[in-house]
């Protein structure tokens, strides 16, 4: 039985119970990484966001590219690819963040021309119809 359940059972201070419960679930070393994970993901996705913002800035107004929406698409695709390939990450969670960062950047570089071609074809078909 974990220490956290003993603290909850003996009615420890109300502010200590959630923290000790979190220690029981994640382990003592995982708590700082658990709170650091969103910051690392945001830093990892910043190159892909920069690519999408530049694509939206330099593309014509007719090809309305939404950078945040496309960043989420590339992030989700990179997570799906990482899970489907089932790669073994040697360094644990940190190498997973690096993989997601590199994969989302690469997917962004591939998706930009595909998005522009799709929007061009869609506008062309709308003009002809």
N, C-alpha and C. Protein backbone atom coordinates (compact mmCIF):
# COMPACT_ATOMS: atom_id res chain seq x y z
N UNK A 1 0.85 -1.18 0.00
CA UNK A 1 0.00 0.00 0.00
C UNK A 1 0.89 1.24 0.00
N UNK A 2 0.54 2.22 -0.81
CA UNK A 2 1.32 3.44 -0.93
C UNK A 2 1.18 4.30 0.32
N UNK A 3 2.16 5.16 0.51
CA UNK A 3 2.11 6.10 1.62
C UNK A 3 0.93 7.05 1.45
N UNK A 4 0.60 7.38 0.19
CA UNK A 4 -0.47 8.34 -0.03
C UNK A 4 -1.81 7.80 0.47
N UNK A 5 -2.06 6.52 0.29
CA UNK A 5 -3.32 5.95 0.77
C UNK A 5 -3.34 5.93 2.28
N UNK A 6 -2.19 5.74 2.91
CA UNK A 6 -2.13 5.79 4.37
C UNK A 6 -2.41 7.20 4.85
N UNK A 7 -1.88 8.21 4.13
CA UNK A 7 -2.14 9.60 4.53
C UNK A 7 -3.61 9.95 4.35
N UNK A 8 -4.22 9.47 3.30
CA UNK A 8 -5.63 9.76 3.08
C UNK A 8 -6.47 9.05 4.13
N UNK A 9 -6.08 7.83 4.47
CA UNK A 9 -6.83 7.06 5.45
C UNK A 9 -6.74 7.68 6.84
N UNK A 10 -5.58 8.29 7.18
CA UNK A 10 -5.43 8.90 8.50
C UNK A 10 -5.85 10.36 8.50
N UNK A 11 -6.45 10.82 7.41
CA UNK A 11 -6.97 12.19 7.29
C UNK A 11 -5.87 13.21 7.49
N UNK A 12 -4.89 13.15 6.59
CA UNK A 12 -3.80 14.14 6.62
C UNK A 12 -4.37 15.50 6.25
N UNK A 13 -3.55 16.50 6.31
CA UNK A 13 -3.98 17.85 5.95
C UNK A 13 -4.55 17.84 4.53
N UNK A 14 -5.64 18.59 4.26
CA UNK A 14 -6.29 18.52 2.95
C UNK A 14 -5.39 18.91 1.79
N UNK A 15 -4.40 19.78 2.03
CA UNK A 15 -3.51 20.17 0.94
C UNK A 15 -2.45 19.11 0.67
N UNK A 16 -2.16 18.26 1.63
CA UNK A 16 -1.14 17.24 1.44
C UNK A 16 -1.69 16.01 0.71
N UNK A 17 -2.97 15.75 0.83
CA UNK A 17 -3.54 14.53 0.25
C UNK A 17 -3.43 14.48 -1.27
N UNK A 18 -3.79 15.53 -2.01
CA UNK A 18 -3.65 15.42 -3.47
C UNK A 18 -2.20 15.28 -3.91
N UNK A 19 -1.29 15.96 -3.23
CA UNK A 19 0.12 15.88 -3.61
C UNK A 19 0.65 14.48 -3.35
N UNK A 20 0.31 13.90 -2.20
CA UNK A 20 0.80 12.56 -1.89
C UNK A 20 0.14 11.53 -2.81
N UNK A 21 -1.10 11.77 -3.22
CA UNK A 21 -1.76 10.87 -4.16
C UNK A 21 -1.08 10.93 -5.52
N UNK A 22 -0.68 12.14 -5.94
CA UNK A 22 0.05 12.30 -7.21
C UNK A 22 1.40 11.62 -7.13
N UNK A 23 2.08 11.69 -5.99
CA UNK A 23 3.35 10.99 -5.83
C UNK A 23 3.17 9.50 -5.94
N UNK A 24 2.06 9.00 -5.42
CA UNK A 24 1.79 7.57 -5.47
C UNK A 24 1.55 7.12 -6.91
N UNK A 25 0.84 7.92 -7.70
CA UNK A 25 0.52 7.54 -9.06
C UNK A 25 1.73 7.67 -9.97
N UNK A 26 2.40 8.81 -9.95
CA UNK A 26 3.46 9.09 -10.91
C UNK A 26 4.86 8.76 -10.41
N UNK A 27 5.05 8.60 -9.16
CA UNK A 27 6.39 8.40 -8.62
C UNK A 27 7.00 9.74 -8.29
N UNK A 28 7.92 9.76 -7.37
CA UNK A 28 8.47 11.03 -6.90
C UNK A 28 9.24 11.78 -7.98
N UNK A 29 9.94 11.09 -8.86
CA UNK A 29 10.73 11.77 -9.88
C UNK A 29 9.93 12.26 -11.06
N UNK A 30 8.71 11.76 -11.23
CA UNK A 30 7.92 12.11 -12.40
C UNK A 30 7.13 13.40 -12.24
N UNK A 31 6.97 13.88 -11.03
CA UNK A 31 6.16 15.08 -10.82
C UNK A 31 6.74 16.30 -11.53
N UNK A 32 8.04 16.60 -11.39
CA UNK A 32 8.55 17.77 -12.14
C UNK A 32 8.43 17.58 -13.65
N UNK A 33 8.65 16.38 -14.17
CA UNK A 33 8.54 16.14 -15.60
C UNK A 33 7.09 16.25 -16.05
N UNK A 34 6.15 15.86 -15.21
CA UNK A 34 4.73 15.94 -15.55
C UNK A 34 4.32 17.40 -15.76
N UNK A 35 4.84 18.31 -14.94
CA UNK A 35 4.51 19.72 -15.10
C UNK A 35 5.35 20.39 -16.18
N UNK A 36 6.50 19.81 -16.50
CA UNK A 36 7.38 20.35 -17.51
C UNK A 36 6.99 19.88 -18.92
N UNK A 37 6.22 18.83 -19.01
CA UNK A 37 5.85 18.25 -20.30
C UNK A 37 5.15 19.23 -21.24
N UNK A 38 4.14 19.99 -20.82
CA UNK A 38 3.52 20.95 -21.75
C UNK A 38 4.49 22.01 -22.26
N UNK A 39 5.39 22.45 -21.41
CA UNK A 39 6.38 23.45 -21.83
C UNK A 39 7.31 22.86 -22.88
N UNK A 40 7.74 21.62 -22.69
CA UNK A 40 8.62 20.97 -23.64
C UNK A 40 7.91 20.72 -24.97
N UNK A 41 6.64 20.37 -24.93
CA UNK A 41 5.88 20.14 -26.16
C UNK A 41 5.72 21.45 -26.93
N UNK A 42 5.43 22.54 -26.23
CA UNK A 42 5.29 23.84 -26.89
C UNK A 42 6.62 24.26 -27.51
N UNK A 43 7.72 24.08 -26.80
CA UNK A 43 9.03 24.41 -27.36
C UNK A 43 9.37 23.51 -28.55
N UNK A 44 8.98 22.26 -28.47
CA UNK A 44 9.24 21.33 -29.57
C UNK A 44 8.43 21.64 -30.81
N UNK A 45 7.23 22.17 -30.63
CA UNK A 45 6.37 22.48 -31.77
C UNK A 45 6.61 23.87 -32.34
N UNK A 46 7.44 24.66 -31.71
CA UNK A 46 7.66 26.03 -32.19
C UNK A 46 8.28 26.10 -33.59
N UNK A 47 9.20 25.21 -34.01
CA UNK A 47 9.67 25.29 -35.40
C UNK A 47 8.56 25.01 -36.42
N UNK A 48 7.69 24.06 -36.11
CA UNK A 48 6.58 23.76 -37.02
C UNK A 48 5.60 24.94 -37.07
N UNK A 49 5.36 25.57 -35.93
CA UNK A 49 4.49 26.74 -35.90
C UNK A 49 5.09 27.88 -36.72
N UNK A 50 6.39 28.07 -36.62
CA UNK A 50 7.07 29.10 -37.41
C UNK A 50 6.92 28.83 -38.90
N UNK A 51 7.04 27.58 -39.31
CA UNK A 51 6.87 27.22 -40.72
C UNK A 51 5.45 27.52 -41.18
N UNK A 52 4.45 27.19 -40.37
CA UNK A 52 3.06 27.44 -40.76
C UNK A 52 2.74 28.93 -40.80
N UNK A 53 3.30 29.69 -39.86
CA UNK A 53 3.06 31.14 -39.86
C UNK A 53 3.70 31.77 -41.09
N UNK A 54 4.90 31.35 -41.45
CA UNK A 54 5.53 31.87 -42.66
C UNK A 54 4.77 31.46 -43.91
N UNK A 55 4.24 30.24 -43.93
CA UNK A 55 3.44 29.81 -45.09
C UNK A 55 2.17 30.63 -45.20
N UNK A 56 1.55 30.94 -44.09
CA UNK A 56 0.33 31.76 -44.12
C UNK A 56 0.66 33.20 -44.53
N UNK A 57 1.82 33.69 -44.13
CA UNK A 57 2.21 35.06 -44.45
C UNK A 57 2.53 35.21 -45.94
N UNK A 58 3.23 34.24 -46.52
CA UNK A 58 3.68 34.36 -47.89
C UNK A 58 2.71 33.78 -48.92
N UNK A 59 1.70 33.06 -48.50
CA UNK A 59 0.75 32.51 -49.46
C UNK A 59 -0.28 33.58 -49.84
N UNK A 60 -0.86 33.48 -51.02
CA UNK A 60 -1.88 34.45 -51.42
C UNK A 60 -3.10 34.39 -50.50
N UNK A 61 -3.84 35.48 -50.46
CA UNK A 61 -5.00 35.56 -49.56
C UNK A 61 -6.08 34.55 -49.92
N UNK A 62 -6.14 34.13 -51.17
CA UNK A 62 -7.16 33.17 -51.59
C UNK A 62 -6.93 31.80 -50.95
N UNK A 63 -5.68 31.49 -50.61
CA UNK A 63 -5.35 30.19 -50.00
C UNK A 63 -5.27 30.31 -48.48
N UNK A 64 -6.31 30.74 -47.87
CA UNK A 64 -6.37 31.02 -46.43
C UNK A 64 -5.84 29.83 -45.63
N UNK A 65 -4.62 29.94 -45.10
CA UNK A 65 -4.01 28.90 -44.28
C UNK A 65 -4.07 29.35 -42.83
N UNK A 66 -4.64 28.53 -41.98
CA UNK A 66 -4.72 28.83 -40.55
C UNK A 66 -3.58 28.10 -39.83
N UNK A 67 -2.58 28.84 -39.35
CA UNK A 67 -1.38 28.20 -38.79
C UNK A 67 -1.65 27.31 -37.58
N UNK A 68 -2.45 27.75 -36.63
CA UNK A 68 -2.68 26.94 -35.43
C UNK A 68 -3.45 25.66 -35.74
N UNK A 69 -4.43 25.77 -36.63
CA UNK A 69 -5.19 24.59 -37.02
C UNK A 69 -4.28 23.57 -37.70
N UNK A 70 -3.43 24.05 -38.60
CA UNK A 70 -2.54 23.14 -39.31
C UNK A 70 -1.43 22.61 -38.39
N UNK A 71 -1.03 23.37 -37.38
CA UNK A 71 -0.07 22.88 -36.41
C UNK A 71 -0.67 21.72 -35.61
N UNK A 72 -1.92 21.86 -35.22
CA UNK A 72 -2.59 20.78 -34.50
C UNK A 72 -2.70 19.54 -35.38
N UNK A 73 -3.01 19.74 -36.67
CA UNK A 73 -3.10 18.61 -37.59
C UNK A 73 -1.75 17.90 -37.69
N UNK A 74 -0.67 18.65 -37.86
CA UNK A 74 0.65 18.03 -37.97
C UNK A 74 1.07 17.37 -36.65
N UNK A 75 0.70 17.97 -35.51
CA UNK A 75 1.01 17.37 -34.21
C UNK A 75 0.28 16.06 -34.04
N UNK A 76 -1.01 16.03 -34.36
CA UNK A 76 -1.79 14.80 -34.21
C UNK A 76 -1.26 13.72 -35.15
N UNK A 77 -0.94 14.10 -36.38
CA UNK A 77 -0.37 13.13 -37.31
C UNK A 77 0.96 12.58 -36.83
N UNK A 78 1.79 13.43 -36.24
CA UNK A 78 3.08 12.95 -35.74
C UNK A 78 2.90 12.00 -34.55
N UNK A 79 1.93 12.28 -33.69
CA UNK A 79 1.65 11.37 -32.57
C UNK A 79 1.12 10.03 -33.10
N UNK A 80 0.22 10.09 -34.09
CA UNK A 80 -0.32 8.85 -34.66
C UNK A 80 0.78 8.05 -35.34
N UNK A 81 1.65 8.72 -36.08
CA UNK A 81 2.77 8.02 -36.73
C UNK A 81 3.69 7.40 -35.68
N UNK A 82 3.99 8.13 -34.65
CA UNK A 82 4.83 7.60 -33.58
C UNK A 82 4.23 6.39 -32.90
N UNK A 83 2.91 6.41 -32.71
CA UNK A 83 2.25 5.28 -32.06
C UNK A 83 2.12 4.10 -33.02
N UNK A 84 1.89 4.36 -34.30
CA UNK A 84 1.70 3.26 -35.24
C UNK A 84 3.02 2.58 -35.59
N UNK A 85 4.10 3.35 -35.63
CA UNK A 85 5.41 2.76 -35.91
C UNK A 85 5.91 2.00 -34.69
N UNK A 86 5.45 2.39 -33.51
CA UNK A 86 5.80 1.75 -32.25
C UNK A 86 7.31 1.74 -32.05
N UNK A 87 7.90 2.92 -32.18
CA UNK A 87 9.34 3.02 -32.01
C UNK A 87 9.69 2.88 -30.53
N UNK A 88 10.84 2.32 -30.29
CA UNK A 88 11.32 2.19 -28.92
C UNK A 88 12.19 3.40 -28.63
N UNK A 89 11.74 4.20 -27.71
CA UNK A 89 12.44 5.43 -27.37
C UNK A 89 13.45 5.15 -26.27
N UNK A 90 14.71 5.37 -26.58
CA UNK A 90 15.78 5.02 -25.64
C UNK A 90 15.80 5.93 -24.42
N UNK A 91 15.52 7.21 -24.61
CA UNK A 91 15.63 8.15 -23.49
C UNK A 91 14.28 8.41 -22.83
N UNK A 92 13.27 7.66 -23.16
CA UNK A 92 11.98 7.80 -22.52
C UNK A 92 11.18 8.96 -23.06
N UNK A 93 10.59 9.74 -22.15
CA UNK A 93 9.68 10.80 -22.54
C UNK A 93 10.39 11.93 -23.31
N UNK A 94 11.62 12.22 -22.97
CA UNK A 94 12.32 13.31 -23.66
C UNK A 94 12.57 12.99 -25.12
N UNK A 95 12.91 11.75 -25.43
CA UNK A 95 13.11 11.40 -26.84
C UNK A 95 11.79 11.34 -27.58
N UNK A 96 10.70 11.08 -26.88
CA UNK A 96 9.38 11.15 -27.50
C UNK A 96 9.03 12.56 -27.92
N UNK A 97 9.40 13.53 -27.11
CA UNK A 97 9.16 14.94 -27.45
C UNK A 97 10.02 15.34 -28.65
N UNK A 98 11.25 14.86 -28.69
CA UNK A 98 12.11 15.16 -29.83
C UNK A 98 11.54 14.52 -31.10
N UNK A 99 11.06 13.28 -31.00
CA UNK A 99 10.47 12.62 -32.16
C UNK A 99 9.24 13.38 -32.65
N UNK A 100 8.37 13.79 -31.74
CA UNK A 100 7.17 14.53 -32.13
C UNK A 100 7.55 15.87 -32.74
N UNK A 101 8.58 16.52 -32.21
CA UNK A 101 9.02 17.80 -32.76
C UNK A 101 9.54 17.65 -34.18
N UNK A 102 10.41 16.68 -34.40
CA UNK A 102 10.99 16.47 -35.73
C UNK A 102 9.91 15.99 -36.71
N UNK A 103 9.06 15.09 -36.26
CA UNK A 103 8.01 14.56 -37.14
C UNK A 103 7.01 15.65 -37.51
N UNK A 104 6.62 16.50 -36.57
CA UNK A 104 5.66 17.56 -36.89
C UNK A 104 6.29 18.60 -37.81
N UNK A 105 7.58 18.87 -37.65
CA UNK A 105 8.26 19.79 -38.56
C UNK A 105 8.33 19.21 -39.97
N UNK A 106 8.69 17.94 -40.07
CA UNK A 106 8.76 17.29 -41.38
C UNK A 106 7.38 17.20 -42.03
N UNK A 107 6.37 16.87 -41.24
CA UNK A 107 5.01 16.81 -41.77
C UNK A 107 4.53 18.19 -42.20
N UNK A 108 4.93 19.22 -41.48
CA UNK A 108 4.56 20.58 -41.87
C UNK A 108 5.17 20.94 -43.21
N UNK A 109 6.43 20.57 -43.40
CA UNK A 109 7.09 20.86 -44.68
C UNK A 109 6.45 20.09 -45.83
N UNK A 110 5.89 18.92 -45.56
CA UNK A 110 5.22 18.13 -46.60
C UNK A 110 3.79 18.63 -46.80
N UNK A 111 3.12 19.02 -45.72
CA UNK A 111 1.71 19.41 -45.81
C UNK A 111 1.50 20.80 -46.41
N UNK A 112 2.49 21.67 -46.35
CA UNK A 112 2.31 23.02 -46.91
C UNK A 112 2.04 22.97 -48.41
N UNK A 113 2.88 22.31 -49.21
CA UNK A 113 2.56 22.25 -50.65
C UNK A 113 1.27 21.50 -50.94
N UNK A 114 1.01 20.43 -50.17
CA UNK A 114 -0.23 19.68 -50.39
C UNK A 114 -1.46 20.53 -50.08
N UNK A 115 -1.38 21.34 -49.03
CA UNK A 115 -2.49 22.22 -48.68
C UNK A 115 -2.72 23.27 -49.75
N UNK A 116 -1.64 23.85 -50.26
CA UNK A 116 -1.78 24.88 -51.29
C UNK A 116 -2.33 24.27 -52.58
N UNK A 117 -1.87 23.08 -52.95
CA UNK A 117 -2.40 22.41 -54.14
C UNK A 117 -3.88 22.08 -53.97
N UNK A 118 -4.25 21.60 -52.79
CA UNK A 118 -5.66 21.29 -52.52
C UNK A 118 -6.53 22.54 -52.64
N UNK A 119 -6.08 23.63 -52.05
CA UNK A 119 -6.87 24.86 -52.11
C UNK A 119 -6.92 25.42 -53.52
N UNK A 120 -5.83 25.29 -54.28
CA UNK A 120 -5.82 25.74 -55.67
C UNK A 120 -6.83 24.94 -56.50
N UNK A 121 -6.83 23.63 -56.36
CA UNK A 121 -7.76 22.78 -57.11
C UNK A 121 -9.20 23.07 -56.69
N UNK A 122 -9.42 23.25 -55.41
CA UNK A 122 -10.77 23.55 -54.94
C UNK A 122 -11.28 24.88 -55.49
N UNK A 123 -10.43 25.91 -55.50
CA UNK A 123 -10.83 27.20 -56.07
C UNK A 123 -11.04 27.10 -57.58
N UNK A 124 -10.21 26.33 -58.25
CA UNK A 124 -10.33 26.16 -59.70
C UNK A 124 -11.64 25.45 -60.06
N UNK A 125 -11.98 24.43 -59.28
CA UNK A 125 -13.25 23.72 -59.53
C UNK A 125 -14.45 24.60 -59.20
N UNK A 126 -14.33 25.46 -58.21
CA UNK A 126 -15.42 26.36 -57.86
C UNK A 126 -15.64 27.40 -58.95
N UNK A 127 -14.57 27.85 -59.61
CA UNK A 127 -14.70 28.81 -60.70
C UNK A 127 -15.32 28.17 -61.93
N UNK A 128 -15.00 26.92 -62.19
CA UNK A 128 -15.52 26.22 -63.37
C UNK A 128 -16.96 25.78 -63.20
N UNK A 129 -17.41 25.62 -61.99
CA UNK A 129 -18.77 25.11 -61.76
C UNK A 129 -19.83 26.18 -61.93
